[in-house]
Amino acid sequence: MNLPPHLRYKAENIYLVGILPGPREPSLEELNHFTKPLVDDLLRLWEPGLIFSALPHFLTGCVVRCALIALIADLMAIRKMAGMTTISSTEHYCSFCRQSKTDIGNFDVATWQRWTSDDFRKAAEAWKNAPSESERKKLYKASGVYYSELLRLPYWEPIQFALLDAMHNLFLGDLKTHCRGQQIQLNHRTTHT
């Protein structure tokens, strides 16, 4: 998206991974099969990277590495792609901590048990390596985590790189509207009390 609009959508500047067939969204297993070719390409683009023999500013050549850093989509898609439980989960509703919905009234952040990338990866690997579907269900119920192909990327940080509904909050302006709306309400309360 950093290309000018007149160049952005030319065929030579688009990387189309694939198109998900409808009419329903893919299951977890189907999504991993769909994501695998993308991750394979990203692994090659990370190590060894793209080797250019000569460029105008690098006459002796250079290596360019590519990485997927931010996963930007709506909340449901992000959680599915990153290997997190659905937003309707009664136990694991947060992408960043292990709070359950029974603790939803706990606003003491210091008591929240946060996910680390290592813990998340371990839970995902346990799910992937489970010997049976029933064992996978137990692990998923206990942790709210399943395996995502994105975890094959050595640099991928599942908690940091899965942005919390960035599409709606930033790109569509919902966060700005929310903050301005809150500011107007606060100003209204302070002037009328």
C-alpha atoms as a PDB file:
ATOM      1  CA  MET A   1       0.000   0.000   0.000  1.00  0.00           C
ATOM      2  CA  ASN A   2       3.006   2.319  -0.040  1.00  0.00           C
ATOM      3  CA  LEU A   3       2.901   2.524  -3.845  1.00  0.00           C
ATOM      4  CA  PRO A   4       1.060   5.428  -5.486  1.00  0.00           C
ATOM      5  CA  PRO A   5      -2.564   4.510  -6.343  1.00  0.00           C
ATOM      6  CA  HIS A   6      -1.888   4.476 -10.112  1.00  0.00           C
ATOM      7  CA  LEU A   7       0.766   1.733  -9.601  1.00  0.00           C
ATOM      8  CA  ARG A   8      -0.732  -0.117  -6.650  1.00  0.00           C
ATOM      9  CA  TYR A   9      -3.142  -2.410  -8.482  1.00  0.00           C
ATOM     10  CA  LYS A  10      -1.090  -3.259 -11.578  1.00  0.00           C
ATOM     11  CA  ALA A  11      -0.664  -7.007 -12.006  1.00  0.00           C
ATOM     12  CA  GLU A  12       3.125  -6.834 -11.551  1.00  0.00           C
ATOM     13  CA  ASN A  13       2.678  -5.189  -8.138  1.00  0.00           C
ATOM     14  CA  ILE A  14       0.128  -7.607  -6.681  1.00  0.00           C
ATOM     15  CA  TYR A  15       0.861 -10.840  -4.875  1.00  0.00           C
ATOM     16  CA  LEU A  16      -2.296 -12.934  -4.957  1.00  0.00           C
ATOM     17  CA  VAL A  17      -1.918 -15.889  -2.631  1.00  0.00           C
ATOM     18  CA  GLY A  18      -5.265 -17.417  -3.455  1.00  0.00           C
ATOM     19  CA  ILE A  19      -8.986 -17.026  -3.197  1.00  0.00           C
ATOM     20  CA  LEU A  20     -10.986 -18.772  -0.510  1.00  0.00           C
ATOM     21  CA  PRO A  21     -13.947 -20.602  -2.005  1.00  0.00           C
ATOM     22  CA  GLY A  22     -17.398 -19.981  -0.535  1.00  0.00           C
ATOM     23  CA  PRO A  23     -20.124 -20.137   0.426  1.00  0.00           C
ATOM     24  CA  ARG A  24     -18.857 -20.633   3.996  1.00  0.00           C
ATOM     25  CA  GLU A  25     -15.636 -19.641   5.686  1.00  0.00           C
ATOM     26  CA  PRO A  26     -12.905 -22.304   5.894  1.00  0.00           C
ATOM     27  CA  SER A  27     -12.452 -24.535   8.920  1.00  0.00           C
ATOM     28  CA  LEU A  28      -9.257 -24.342  10.971  1.00  0.00           C
ATOM     29  CA  GLU A  29      -7.727 -27.240   9.033  1.00  0.00           C
ATOM     30  CA  GLU A  30      -8.740 -25.785   5.655  1.00  0.00           C
ATOM     31  CA  LEU A  31      -7.304 -22.400   6.581  1.00  0.00           C
ATOM     32  CA  ASN A  32      -3.934 -23.946   7.463  1.00  0.00           C
ATOM     33  CA  HIS A  33      -3.864 -25.769   4.106  1.00  0.00           C
ATOM     34  CA  PHE A  34      -4.642 -22.497   2.356  1.00  0.00           C
ATOM     35  CA  THR A  35      -1.989 -20.573   4.328  1.00  0.00           C
ATOM     36  CA  LYS A  36       0.819 -23.112   3.817  1.00  0.00           C
ATOM     37  CA  PRO A  37       1.937 -21.881   0.336  1.00  0.00           C
ATOM     38  CA  LEU A  38       2.074 -18.296   1.618  1.00  0.00           C
ATOM     39  CA  VAL A  39       4.219 -19.328   4.581  1.00  0.00           C
ATOM     40  CA  ASP A  40       6.464 -21.388   2.284  1.00  0.00           C
ATOM     41  CA  ASP A  41       7.063 -18.263   0.158  1.00  0.00           C
ATOM     42  CA  LEU A  42       7.641 -16.089   3.225  1.00  0.00           C
ATOM     43  CA  LEU A  43      10.206 -18.569   4.573  1.00  0.00           C
ATOM     44  CA  ARG A  44      12.169 -18.372   1.298  1.00  0.00           C
ATOM     45  CA  LEU A  45      11.915 -14.568   1.327  1.00  0.00           C
ATOM     46  CA  TRP A  46      13.297 -14.503   4.879  1.00  0.00           C
ATOM     47  CA  GLU A  47      16.149 -16.978   4.454  1.00  0.00           C
ATOM     48  CA  PRO A  48      18.036 -16.738   2.095  1.00  0.00           C
ATOM     49  CA  GLY A  49      15.999 -13.707   0.944  1.00  0.00           C
ATOM     50  CA  LEU A  50      15.978 -12.166  -2.530  1.00  0.00           C
ATOM     51  CA  ILE A  51      19.442 -11.792  -4.000  1.00  0.00           C
ATOM     52  CA  PHE A  52      19.826  -8.972  -6.524  1.00  0.00           C
ATOM     53  CA  SER A  53      23.069  -8.972  -8.500  1.00  0.00           C
ATOM     54  CA  ALA A  54      22.965  -5.214  -9.191  1.00  0.00           C
ATOM     55  CA  LEU A  55      20.682  -2.265  -8.477  1.00  0.00           C
ATOM     56  CA  PRO A  56      21.120   1.437  -9.291  1.00  0.00           C
ATOM     57  CA  HIS A  57      22.179   2.304  -5.715  1.00  0.00           C
ATOM     58  CA  PHE A  58      23.843  -1.068  -5.001  1.00  0.00           C
ATOM     59  CA  LEU A  59      26.132  -1.791  -7.943  1.00  0.00           C
ATOM     60  CA  THR A  60      27.602  -4.872  -6.268  1.00  0.00           C
ATOM     61  CA  GLY A  61      24.149  -6.226  -5.458  1.00  0.00           C
ATOM     62  CA  CYS A  62      22.281  -6.779  -2.224  1.00  0.00           C
ATOM     63  CA  VAL A  63      20.061  -9.189  -0.332  1.00  0.00           C
ATOM     64  CA  VAL A  64      16.508  -8.161   0.472  1.00  0.00           C
ATOM     65  CA  ARG A  65      14.549 -10.013   3.144  1.00  0.00           C
ATOM     66  CA  CYS A  66      10.790  -9.933   3.471  1.00  0.00           C
ATOM     67  CA  ALA A  67       8.717 -10.615   6.559  1.00  0.00           C
ATOM     68  CA  LEU A  68       5.087 -10.668   7.553  1.00  0.00           C
ATOM     69  CA  ILE A  69       4.894  -8.424  10.574  1.00  0.00           C
ATOM     70  CA  ALA A  70       1.346  -7.247  11.144  1.00  0.00           C
ATOM     71  CA  LEU A  71      -1.696  -9.440  10.678  1.00  0.00           C
ATOM     72  CA  ILE A  72      -4.428  -6.933   9.871  1.00  0.00           C
ATOM     73  CA  ALA A  73      -8.028  -8.055   9.494  1.00  0.00           C
ATOM     74  CA  ASP A  74     -11.212  -8.050  11.492  1.00  0.00           C
ATOM     75  CA  LEU A  75     -11.092  -9.636  14.927  1.00  0.00           C
ATOM     76  CA  MET A  76     -12.616 -12.961  13.884  1.00  0.00           C
ATOM     77  CA  ALA A  77     -10.182 -13.434  10.987  1.00  0.00           C
ATOM     78  CA  ILE A  78      -7.158 -12.417  13.043  1.00  0.00           C
ATOM     79  CA  ARG A  79      -7.934 -14.885  15.795  1.00  0.00           C
ATOM     80  CA  LYS A  80      -8.492 -17.709  13.339  1.00  0.00           C
ATOM     81  CA  MET A  81      -5.318 -16.962  11.348  1.00  0.00           C
ATOM     82  CA  ALA A  82      -3.159 -16.575  14.467  1.00  0.00           C
ATOM     83  CA  GLY A  83      -4.383 -19.795  16.109  1.00  0.00           C
ATOM     84  CA  MET A  84      -6.505 -18.199  18.827  1.00  0.00           C
ATOM     85  CA  THR A  85      -9.923 -19.238  20.041  1.00  0.00           C
ATOM     86  CA  THR A  86     -13.031 -17.567  18.654  1.00  0.00           C
ATOM     87  CA  ILE A  87     -14.447 -14.398  20.153  1.00  0.00           C
ATOM     88  CA  SER A  88     -17.504 -16.308  21.357  1.00  0.00           C
ATOM     89  CA  SER A  89     -15.404 -18.530  23.621  1.00  0.00           C
ATOM     90  CA  THR A  90     -16.653 -18.589  27.187  1.00  0.00           C
ATOM     91  CA  GLU A  91     -13.229 -19.382  28.598  1.00  0.00           C
ATOM     92  CA  HIS A  92     -10.615 -17.650  26.439  1.00  0.00           C
ATOM     93  CA  TYR A  93     -12.024 -14.400  25.120  1.00  0.00           C
ATOM     94  CA  CYS A  94      -8.817 -12.306  25.207  1.00  0.00           C
ATOM     95  CA  SER A  95      -6.021 -12.480  22.630  1.00  0.00           C
ATOM     96  CA  PHE A  96      -3.405 -11.196  25.040  1.00  0.00           C
ATOM     97  CA  CYS A  97      -4.098 -12.752  28.421  1.00  0.00           C
ATOM     98  CA  ARG A  98      -5.633 -15.891  29.883  1.00  0.00           C
ATOM     99  CA  GLN A  99      -8.581 -14.224  31.594  1.00  0.00           C
ATOM    100  CA  SER A 100     -11.847 -16.102  31.358  1.00  0.00           C
ATOM    101  CA  LYS A 101     -15.245 -14.484  31.001  1.00  0.00           C
ATOM    102  CA  THR A 102     -15.944 -15.274  34.648  1.00  0.00           C
ATOM    103  CA  ASP A 103     -13.158 -12.760  35.457  1.00  0.00           C
ATOM    104  CA  ILE A 104     -14.437 -10.094  33.069  1.00  0.00           C
ATOM    105  CA  GLY A 105     -15.036  -7.691  35.945  1.00  0.00           C
ATOM    106  CA  ASN A 106     -11.405  -7.879  37.108  1.00  0.00           C
ATOM    107  CA  PHE A 107      -9.797  -4.559  36.136  1.00  0.00           C
ATOM    108  CA  ASP A 108      -6.603  -5.147  38.092  1.00  0.00           C
ATOM    109  CA  VAL A 109      -4.204  -5.575  35.175  1.00  0.00           C
ATOM    110  CA  ALA A 110      -1.410  -6.745  37.489  1.00  0.00           C
ATOM    111  CA  THR A 111      -3.384  -9.942  38.237  1.00  0.00           C
ATOM    112  CA  TRP A 112      -3.907 -10.901  34.589  1.00  0.00           C
ATOM    113  CA  GLN A 113      -1.838 -13.840  33.392  1.00  0.00           C
ATOM    114  CA  ARG A 114      -0.524 -12.707  30.012  1.00  0.00           C
ATOM    115  CA  TRP A 115       0.401 -14.930  27.099  1.00  0.00           C
ATOM    116  CA  THR A 116       4.055 -15.042  26.101  1.00  0.00           C
ATOM    117  CA  SER A 117       5.048 -16.068  22.596  1.00  0.00           C
ATOM    118  CA  ASP A 118       6.890 -19.090  24.005  1.00  0.00           C
ATOM    119  CA  ASP A 119       3.871 -20.277  26.002  1.00  0.00           C
ATOM    120  CA  PHE A 120       1.588 -19.691  23.021  1.00  0.00           C
ATOM    121  CA  ARG A 121       3.918 -21.656  20.693  1.00  0.00           C
ATOM    122  CA  LYS A 122       4.146 -24.525  23.189  1.00  0.00           C
ATOM    123  CA  ALA A 123       0.351 -24.731  23.455  1.00  0.00           C
ATOM    124  CA  ALA A 124       0.026 -24.612  19.651  1.00  0.00           C
ATOM    125  CA  GLU A 125       2.669 -27.329  19.159  1.00  0.00           C
ATOM    126  CA  ALA A 126       0.949 -29.520  21.768  1.00  0.00           C
ATOM    127  CA  TRP A 127      -2.322 -29.124  19.839  1.00  0.00           C
ATOM    128  CA  LYS A 128      -0.586 -29.926  16.526  1.00  0.00           C
ATOM    129  CA  ASN A 129       1.162 -33.009  17.917  1.00  0.00           C
ATOM    130  CA  ALA A 130      -1.848 -34.381  19.805  1.00  0.00           C
ATOM    131  CA  PRO A 131      -2.404 -38.060  18.939  1.00  0.00           C
ATOM    132  CA  SER A 132      -6.164 -37.761  18.426  1.00  0.00           C
ATOM    133  CA  GLU A 133      -8.946 -35.321  17.642  1.00  0.00           C
ATOM    134  CA  SER A 134     -10.393 -35.772  21.137  1.00  0.00           C
ATOM    135  CA  GLU A 135      -7.018 -34.848  22.668  1.00  0.00           C
ATOM    136  CA  ARG A 136      -6.888 -31.754  20.430  1.00  0.00           C
ATOM    137  CA  LYS A 137     -10.333 -30.729  21.660  1.00  0.00           C
ATOM    138  CA  LYS A 138      -9.198 -31.078  25.283  1.00  0.00           C
ATOM    139  CA  LEU A 139      -6.068 -29.005  24.666  1.00  0.00           C
ATOM    140  CA  TYR A 140      -8.041 -26.369  22.775  1.00  0.00           C
ATOM    141  CA  LYS A 141     -10.609 -26.139  25.571  1.00  0.00           C
ATOM    142  CA  ALA A 142      -7.841 -25.798  28.169  1.00  0.00           C
ATOM    143  CA  SER A 143      -5.719 -23.194  26.375  1.00  0.00           C
ATOM    144  CA  GLY A 144      -7.834 -21.629  23.639  1.00  0.00           C
ATOM    145  CA  VAL A 145      -4.935 -22.163  21.228  1.00  0.00           C
ATOM    146  CA  TYR A 146      -4.528 -24.280  18.117  1.00  0.00           C
ATOM    147  CA  TYR A 147      -1.755 -24.518  15.554  1.00  0.00           C
ATOM    148  CA  SER A 148      -1.447 -21.902  12.817  1.00  0.00           C
ATOM    149  CA  GLU A 149       0.857 -22.187   9.804  1.00  0.00           C
ATOM    150  CA  LEU A 150       2.102 -18.684  10.643  1.00  0.00           C
ATOM    151  CA  LEU A 151       3.960 -20.210  13.601  1.00  0.00           C
ATOM    152  CA  ARG A 152       6.408 -21.755  11.113  1.00  0.00           C
ATOM    153  CA  LEU A 153       7.819 -18.262  10.546  1.00  0.00           C
ATOM    154  CA  PRO A 154      10.812 -18.020  12.924  1.00  0.00           C
ATOM    155  CA  TYR A 155      10.290 -14.322  13.581  1.00  0.00           C
ATOM    156  CA  TRP A 156       6.495 -14.466  14.016  1.00  0.00           C
ATOM    157  CA  GLU A 157       5.278 -13.179  17.390  1.00  0.00           C
ATOM    158  CA  PRO A 158       1.656 -14.367  17.643  1.00  0.00           C
ATOM    159  CA  ILE A 159       0.671 -11.995  20.437  1.00  0.00           C
ATOM    160  CA  GLN A 160       2.446  -8.870  19.179  1.00  0.00           C
ATOM    161  CA  PHE A 161       1.811  -9.233  15.451  1.00  0.00           C
ATOM    162  CA  ALA A 162      -1.907 -10.016  15.594  1.00  0.00           C
ATOM    163  CA  LEU A 163      -3.252  -6.486  15.837  1.00  0.00           C
ATOM    164  CA  LEU A 164      -6.446  -6.093  17.797  1.00  0.00           C
ATOM    165  CA  ASP A 165      -9.000  -5.278  15.114  1.00  0.00           C
ATOM    166  CA  ALA A 166      -6.722  -2.682  13.534  1.00  0.00           C
ATOM    167  CA  MET A 167      -8.852  -2.588  10.390  1.00  0.00           C
ATOM    168  CA  HIS A 168     -11.889  -1.167  12.156  1.00  0.00           C
ATOM    169  CA  ASN A 169     -10.042   0.764  14.847  1.00  0.00           C
ATOM    170  CA  LEU A 170      -7.550   2.537  12.612  1.00  0.00           C
ATOM    171  CA  PHE A 171      -8.304   2.232   8.909  1.00  0.00           C
ATOM    172  CA  LEU A 172     -12.038   2.833   9.127  1.00  0.00           C
ATOM    173  CA  GLY A 173     -11.672   5.485  11.821  1.00  0.00           C
ATOM    174  CA  ASP A 174     -13.695   3.761  14.558  1.00  0.00           C
ATOM    175  CA  LEU A 175     -11.049   4.445  17.209  1.00  0.00           C
ATOM    176  CA  LYS A 176     -10.918   8.145  16.305  1.00  0.00           C
ATOM    177  CA  THR A 177     -14.720   8.329  16.318  1.00  0.00           C
ATOM    178  CA  HIS A 178     -14.869   6.481  19.653  1.00  0.00           C
ATOM    179  CA  CYS A 179     -12.261   8.721  21.270  1.00  0.00           C
ATOM    180  CA  ARG A 180     -13.841  11.900  19.947  1.00  0.00           C
ATOM    181  CA  GLY A 181     -17.265  10.694  21.069  1.00  0.00           C
ATOM    182  CA  GLN A 182     -15.887   9.978  24.558  1.00  0.00           C
ATOM    183  CA  GLN A 183     -14.201  13.391  24.616  1.00  0.00           C
ATOM    184  CA  ILE A 184     -17.470  15.115  23.673  1.00  0.00           C
ATOM    185  CA  GLN A 185     -19.305  13.186  26.407  1.00  0.00           C
ATOM    186  CA  LEU A 186     -16.612  14.084  28.962  1.00  0.00           C
ATOM    187  CA  ASN A 187     -16.690  17.748  27.948  1.00  0.00           C
ATOM    188  CA  HIS A 188     -20.474  17.742  28.160  1.00  0.00           C
ATOM    189  CA  ARG A 189     -20.395  16.228  31.660  1.00  0.00           C
ATOM    190  CA  THR A 190     -17.803  18.682  32.983  1.00  0.00           C
ATOM    191  CA  THR A 191     -19.642  21.729  31.637  1.00  0.00           C
ATOM    192  CA  HIS A 192     -23.015  20.628  33.014  1.00  0.00           C
ATOM    193  CA  THR A 193     -22.044  19.420  36.502  1.00  0.00           C
END
